[in-house]
Amino acid sequence: MIEAELKARVQDPEGVMARLEKRVPGRPEVYRDTYYDDPAGGLDASDRELRVRTVHGPDDTRSVLTYKGARVDTASGSKPEHETRVEDPEAVHAMLRGLGYVPTIAFEKRCRNYDFTAAGRRMLATLVRVPEIDGTFIEVETIVDEDDVHTALADVRQVLAELGIGEQDLTTELYTDAVVARRNA
């Protein structure tokens, strides 16, 4: 399955949040992400990602292991995604290190998630603040088969337009790259 996703910088966070809240109440969560790679950087060099994420929400804490393959759509950055919930994130961290992977970066994202249906698709819109990066971002995604990516992205663009997000606001910049740049500044 492919995560058909678009990300944008938000010029009017309060306005976008108000429009999302009219659709469905948001769920505040804090993500703590740790990315792994082999010592030679092979995953990054081949546009793949390996991540352990722990999500702290108002009612629970959960952790997931995620592998993302190389982009299938360069304009949006959409990638195949495989994810599974893990019972013991510390054991997963130990397994990854034991397999020779090394943590490359860890950081926090403060999110407000909105699950809804649009254009007959399950959508997830996430307002994102990364304390180390200036600004607010929005990600809108839906999970689809590879042959449906372009149609799904058109539906995602429509949702973004309804939220007041224009094409000029779209970005493919990765949070990992932005955090590294900030830390190296």
C-alpha atoms as a PDB file:
ATOM      1  CA  MET A   1       0.000   0.000   0.000  1.00  0.00           C
ATOM      2  CA  ILE A   2       1.091   3.558  -0.707  1.00  0.00           C
ATOM      3  CA  GLU A   3       0.747   6.524   1.623  1.00  0.00           C
ATOM      4  CA  ALA A   4      -0.555   9.141  -0.848  1.00  0.00           C
ATOM      5  CA  GLU A   5       0.380  12.283   1.053  1.00  0.00           C
ATOM      6  CA  LEU A   6       0.901  15.980   0.539  1.00  0.00           C
ATOM      7  CA  LYS A   7       2.576  18.277   3.039  1.00  0.00           C
ATOM      8  CA  ALA A   8       2.361  22.050   3.163  1.00  0.00           C
ATOM      9  CA  ARG A   9       3.442  25.003   5.251  1.00  0.00           C
ATOM     10  CA  VAL A  10       0.416  26.566   6.919  1.00  0.00           C
ATOM     11  CA  GLN A  11       0.113  30.346   6.675  1.00  0.00           C
ATOM     12  CA  ASP A  12      -3.020  30.561   8.885  1.00  0.00           C
ATOM     13  CA  PRO A  13      -2.819  27.774  11.520  1.00  0.00           C
ATOM     14  CA  GLU A  14      -5.841  28.992  13.503  1.00  0.00           C
ATOM     15  CA  GLY A  15      -8.019  29.224  10.380  1.00  0.00           C
ATOM     16  CA  VAL A  16      -6.992  25.780   9.143  1.00  0.00           C
ATOM     17  CA  MET A  17      -7.596  24.293  12.592  1.00  0.00           C
ATOM     18  CA  ALA A  18     -11.056  25.897  12.752  1.00  0.00           C
ATOM     19  CA  ARG A  19     -11.975  24.416   9.331  1.00  0.00           C
ATOM     20  CA  LEU A  20     -10.717  20.982  10.395  1.00  0.00           C
ATOM     21  CA  GLU A  21     -12.585  21.152  13.712  1.00  0.00           C
ATOM     22  CA  LYS A  22     -15.823  21.738  11.739  1.00  0.00           C
ATOM     23  CA  ARG A  23     -15.240  18.355  10.070  1.00  0.00           C
ATOM     24  CA  VAL A  24     -14.297  16.384  13.182  1.00  0.00           C
ATOM     25  CA  PRO A  25     -12.734  17.083  16.591  1.00  0.00           C
ATOM     26  CA  GLY A  26      -8.945  16.884  16.555  1.00  0.00           C
ATOM     27  CA  ARG A  27      -6.833  14.558  18.676  1.00  0.00           C
ATOM     28  CA  PRO A  28      -3.677  16.080  20.209  1.00  0.00           C
ATOM     29  CA  GLU A  29      -0.659  13.779  20.241  1.00  0.00           C
ATOM     30  CA  VAL A  30       3.092  14.054  20.715  1.00  0.00           C
ATOM     31  CA  TYR A  31       5.263  11.857  18.492  1.00  0.00           C
ATOM     32  CA  ARG A  32       8.760  10.860  19.555  1.00  0.00           C
ATOM     33  CA  ASP A  33      10.521   9.574  16.447  1.00  0.00           C
ATOM     34  CA  THR A  34      13.838   7.764  16.136  1.00  0.00           C
ATOM     35  CA  TYR A  35      15.157   7.058  12.634  1.00  0.00           C
ATOM     36  CA  TYR A  36      17.632   4.274  11.893  1.00  0.00           C
ATOM     37  CA  ASP A  37      20.000   3.518   9.049  1.00  0.00           C
ATOM     38  CA  ASP A  38      22.874   1.166   8.381  1.00  0.00           C
ATOM     39  CA  PRO A  39      26.316   2.597   9.238  1.00  0.00           C
ATOM     40  CA  ALA A  40      26.984   3.435   5.558  1.00  0.00           C
ATOM     41  CA  GLY A  41      23.709   5.357   5.188  1.00  0.00           C
ATOM     42  CA  GLY A  42      22.282   2.888   2.685  1.00  0.00           C
ATOM     43  CA  LEU A  43      18.636   3.412   3.580  1.00  0.00           C
ATOM     44  CA  ASP A  44      18.857   7.193   3.216  1.00  0.00           C
ATOM     45  CA  ALA A  45      20.876   6.883  -0.007  1.00  0.00           C
ATOM     46  CA  SER A  46      18.143   4.707  -1.504  1.00  0.00           C
ATOM     47  CA  ASP A  47      15.300   6.989  -0.282  1.00  0.00           C
ATOM     48  CA  ARG A  48      14.051   4.513   2.317  1.00  0.00           C
ATOM     49  CA  GLU A  49      13.218   5.066   5.995  1.00  0.00           C
ATOM     50  CA  LEU A  50      13.169   2.929   9.131  1.00  0.00           C
ATOM     51  CA  ARG A  51      11.569   4.519  12.178  1.00  0.00           C
ATOM     52  CA  VAL A  52      10.365   3.743  15.682  1.00  0.00           C
ATOM     53  CA  ARG A  53       7.637   6.159  16.794  1.00  0.00           C
ATOM     54  CA  THR A  54       6.109   6.441  20.245  1.00  0.00           C
ATOM     55  CA  VAL A  55       2.850   8.377  20.295  1.00  0.00           C
ATOM     56  CA  HIS A  56       1.688   9.983  23.509  1.00  0.00           C
ATOM     57  CA  GLY A  57      -2.022  10.816  23.321  1.00  0.00           C
ATOM     58  CA  PRO A  58      -4.578  12.007  25.841  1.00  0.00           C
ATOM     59  CA  ASP A  59      -5.826   8.457  26.499  1.00  0.00           C
ATOM     60  CA  ASP A  60      -2.927   6.159  25.675  1.00  0.00           C
ATOM     61  CA  THR A  61       0.669   5.714  24.600  1.00  0.00           C
ATOM     62  CA  ARG A  62       1.475   3.429  21.681  1.00  0.00           C
ATOM     63  CA  SER A  63       4.540   2.638  19.610  1.00  0.00           C
ATOM     64  CA  VAL A  64       4.918   1.625  15.977  1.00  0.00           C
ATOM     65  CA  LEU A  65       7.727   0.366  13.774  1.00  0.00           C
ATOM     66  CA  THR A  66       7.590   1.832  10.254  1.00  0.00           C
ATOM     67  CA  TYR A  67       9.438   1.040   7.051  1.00  0.00           C
ATOM     68  CA  LYS A  68       8.962   3.370   4.070  1.00  0.00           C
ATOM     69  CA  GLY A  69      10.208   2.376   0.634  1.00  0.00           C
ATOM     70  CA  ALA A  70      11.476   4.728  -2.064  1.00  0.00           C
ATOM     71  CA  ARG A  71       9.140   7.387  -3.459  1.00  0.00           C
ATOM     72  CA  VAL A  72       6.679   6.315  -6.126  1.00  0.00           C
ATOM     73  CA  ASP A  73       5.734   9.936  -6.874  1.00  0.00           C
ATOM     74  CA  THR A  74       8.530  12.479  -6.713  1.00  0.00           C
ATOM     75  CA  ALA A  75       6.248  15.537  -6.862  1.00  0.00           C
ATOM     76  CA  SER A  76       4.474  14.567  -3.632  1.00  0.00           C
ATOM     77  CA  GLY A  77       7.063  12.308  -2.006  1.00  0.00           C
ATOM     78  CA  SER A  78       4.452   9.533  -1.597  1.00  0.00           C
ATOM     79  CA  LYS A  79       6.014   6.229  -0.541  1.00  0.00           C
ATOM     80  CA  PRO A  80       5.045   2.620   0.125  1.00  0.00           C
ATOM     81  CA  GLU A  81       4.582   2.265   3.875  1.00  0.00           C
ATOM     82  CA  HIS A  82       4.561  -0.772   6.130  1.00  0.00           C
ATOM     83  CA  GLU A  83       3.793  -0.213   9.790  1.00  0.00           C
ATOM     84  CA  THR A  84       3.073  -2.380  12.791  1.00  0.00           C
ATOM     85  CA  ARG A  85       2.302  -1.665  16.397  1.00  0.00           C
ATOM     86  CA  VAL A  86       4.924  -2.830  18.884  1.00  0.00           C
ATOM     87  CA  GLU A  87       4.383  -3.814  22.496  1.00  0.00           C
ATOM     88  CA  ASP A  88       7.876  -2.997  23.730  1.00  0.00           C
ATOM     89  CA  PRO A  89       9.602  -0.143  21.870  1.00  0.00           C
ATOM     90  CA  GLU A  90      12.831  -0.539  23.882  1.00  0.00           C
ATOM     91  CA  ALA A  91      13.081  -4.145  22.694  1.00  0.00           C
ATOM     92  CA  VAL A  92      12.600  -2.979  19.086  1.00  0.00           C
ATOM     93  CA  HIS A  93      15.327  -0.347  19.511  1.00  0.00           C
ATOM     94  CA  ALA A  94      17.619  -3.090  20.877  1.00  0.00           C
ATOM     95  CA  MET A  95      16.760  -5.436  17.982  1.00  0.00           C
ATOM     96  CA  LEU A  96      17.492  -2.780  15.375  1.00  0.00           C
ATOM     97  CA  ARG A  97      20.835  -1.966  17.010  1.00  0.00           C
ATOM     98  CA  GLY A  98      21.573  -5.690  17.262  1.00  0.00           C
ATOM     99  CA  LEU A  99      20.928  -6.029  13.529  1.00  0.00           C
ATOM    100  CA  GLY A 100      23.524  -3.342  12.883  1.00  0.00           C
ATOM    101  CA  TYR A 101      21.280  -0.325  12.414  1.00  0.00           C
ATOM    102  CA  VAL A 102      22.246   2.908  14.127  1.00  0.00           C
ATOM    103  CA  PRO A 103      19.997   5.749  15.273  1.00  0.00           C
ATOM    104  CA  THR A 104      20.583   8.678  12.904  1.00  0.00           C
ATOM    105  CA  ILE A 105      18.211  11.251  14.376  1.00  0.00           C
ATOM    106  CA  ALA A 106      15.539  11.542  17.053  1.00  0.00           C
ATOM    107  CA  PHE A 107      13.113  14.414  17.522  1.00  0.00           C
ATOM    108  CA  GLU A 108       9.632  15.347  18.678  1.00  0.00           C
ATOM    109  CA  LYS A 109       6.564  16.362  16.677  1.00  0.00           C
ATOM    110  CA  ARG A 110       3.526  17.984  18.293  1.00  0.00           C
ATOM    111  CA  CYS A 111       0.494  16.963  16.284  1.00  0.00           C
ATOM    112  CA  ARG A 112      -3.248  17.412  16.102  1.00  0.00           C
ATOM    113  CA  ASN A 113      -4.832  14.596  14.069  1.00  0.00           C
ATOM    114  CA  TYR A 114      -8.138  14.597  12.233  1.00  0.00           C
ATOM    115  CA  ASP A 115      -9.587  11.345  10.834  1.00  0.00           C
ATOM    116  CA  PHE A 116     -12.425  11.805   8.331  1.00  0.00           C
ATOM    117  CA  THR A 117     -13.807  10.661   4.993  1.00  0.00           C
ATOM    118  CA  ALA A 118     -13.524  12.818   1.867  1.00  0.00           C
ATOM    119  CA  ALA A 119     -14.090  11.820  -1.775  1.00  0.00           C
ATOM    120  CA  GLY A 120     -15.061   8.372  -0.469  1.00  0.00           C
ATOM    121  CA  ARG A 121     -11.625   7.880   1.109  1.00  0.00           C
ATOM    122  CA  ARG A 122     -10.408   7.599   4.674  1.00  0.00           C
ATOM    123  CA  MET A 123      -8.186  10.635   5.192  1.00  0.00           C
ATOM    124  CA  LEU A 124      -5.875  11.715   7.963  1.00  0.00           C
ATOM    125  CA  ALA A 125      -5.036  15.389   8.272  1.00  0.00           C
ATOM    126  CA  THR A 126      -2.318  16.264  10.759  1.00  0.00           C
ATOM    127  CA  LEU A 127      -1.324  19.733  11.894  1.00  0.00           C
ATOM    128  CA  VAL A 128       2.345  19.506  12.870  1.00  0.00           C
ATOM    129  CA  ARG A 129       4.737  21.626  14.894  1.00  0.00           C
ATOM    130  CA  VAL A 130       8.315  20.492  15.295  1.00  0.00           C
ATOM    131  CA  PRO A 131       9.853  22.552  18.120  1.00  0.00           C
ATOM    132  CA  GLU A 132      13.180  22.757  16.277  1.00  0.00           C
ATOM    133  CA  ILE A 133      11.621  24.065  13.031  1.00  0.00           C
ATOM    134  CA  ASP A 134       9.840  27.372  12.515  1.00  0.00           C
ATOM    135  CA  GLY A 135       6.222  27.247  11.404  1.00  0.00           C
ATOM    136  CA  THR A 136       3.258  24.921  11.281  1.00  0.00           C
ATOM    137  CA  PHE A 137       2.775  22.204   8.687  1.00  0.00           C
ATOM    138  CA  ILE A 138      -0.170  20.154   7.529  1.00  0.00           C
ATOM    139  CA  GLU A 139      -0.013  16.636   6.159  1.00  0.00           C
ATOM    140  CA  VAL A 140      -3.038  15.075   4.467  1.00  0.00           C
ATOM    141  CA  GLU A 141      -2.801  11.421   3.548  1.00  0.00           C
ATOM    142  CA  THR A 142      -4.781   8.401   2.472  1.00  0.00           C
ATOM    143  CA  ILE A 143      -3.623   4.812   1.972  1.00  0.00           C
ATOM    144  CA  VAL A 144      -4.129   3.458  -1.562  1.00  0.00           C
ATOM    145  CA  ASP A 145      -2.933   0.897  -4.082  1.00  0.00           C
ATOM    146  CA  GLU A 146      -0.063   2.060  -6.271  1.00  0.00           C
ATOM    147  CA  ASP A 147      -2.285   2.383  -9.357  1.00  0.00           C
ATOM    148  CA  ASP A 148      -4.547   4.842  -7.489  1.00  0.00           C
ATOM    149  CA  VAL A 149      -1.861   7.280  -6.268  1.00  0.00           C
ATOM    150  CA  HIS A 150      -2.483  10.086  -8.764  1.00  0.00           C
ATOM    151  CA  THR A 151      -6.269  10.065  -8.289  1.00  0.00           C
ATOM    152  CA  ALA A 152      -5.833   9.919  -4.525  1.00  0.00           C
ATOM    153  CA  LEU A 153      -3.416  12.859  -4.608  1.00  0.00           C
ATOM    154  CA  ALA A 154      -6.008  14.869  -6.560  1.00  0.00           C
ATOM    155  CA  ASP A 155      -8.502  14.124  -3.754  1.00  0.00           C
ATOM    156  CA  VAL A 156      -5.913  15.166  -1.147  1.00  0.00           C
ATOM    157  CA  ARG A 157      -5.304  18.416  -3.070  1.00  0.00           C
ATOM    158  CA  GLN A 158      -9.047  19.095  -2.971  1.00  0.00           C
ATOM    159  CA  VAL A 159      -9.096  18.673   0.823  1.00  0.00           C
ATOM    160  CA  LEU A 160      -6.135  21.029   1.127  1.00  0.00           C
ATOM    161  CA  ALA A 161      -7.867  23.595  -1.090  1.00  0.00           C
ATOM    162  CA  GLU A 162     -10.975  23.398   1.114  1.00  0.00           C
ATOM    163  CA  LEU A 163      -8.719  24.144   4.087  1.00  0.00           C
ATOM    164  CA  GLY A 164      -7.253  27.210   2.367  1.00  0.00           C
ATOM    165  CA  ILE A 165      -3.934  25.589   1.451  1.00  0.00           C
ATOM    166  CA  GLY A 166      -2.680  26.443  -2.040  1.00  0.00           C
ATOM    167  CA  GLU A 167      -0.222  24.744  -4.369  1.00  0.00           C
ATOM    168  CA  GLN A 168       2.357  27.411  -3.489  1.00  0.00           C
ATOM    169  CA  ASP A 169       2.322  26.160   0.137  1.00  0.00           C
ATOM    170  CA  LEU A 170       3.210  22.548  -0.736  1.00  0.00           C
ATOM    171  CA  THR A 171       6.610  21.213   0.289  1.00  0.00           C
ATOM    172  CA  THR A 172       8.474  17.931   0.034  1.00  0.00           C
ATOM    173  CA  GLU A 173      11.050  18.974   2.627  1.00  0.00           C
ATOM    174  CA  LEU A 174      11.574  16.220   5.173  1.00  0.00           C
ATOM    175  CA  TYR A 175      11.381  17.012   8.896  1.00  0.00           C
ATOM    176  CA  THR A 176      14.531  14.960   9.377  1.00  0.00           C
ATOM    177  CA  ASP A 177      16.454  17.155   6.926  1.00  0.00           C
ATOM    178  CA  ALA A 178      15.103  20.371   8.475  1.00  0.00           C
ATOM    179  CA  VAL A 179      16.000  19.249  12.005  1.00  0.00           C
ATOM    180  CA  VAL A 180      19.518  18.241  10.907  1.00  0.00           C
ATOM    181  CA  ALA A 181      19.985  21.625   9.197  1.00  0.00           C
ATOM    182  CA  ARG A 182      18.808  23.457  12.324  1.00  0.00           C
ATOM    183  CA  ARG A 183      21.080  21.437  14.599  1.00  0.00           C
ATOM    184  CA  ASN A 184      24.057  22.048  12.303  1.00  0.00           C
ATOM    185  CA  ALA A 185      23.412  25.807  12.003  1.00  0.00           C
END
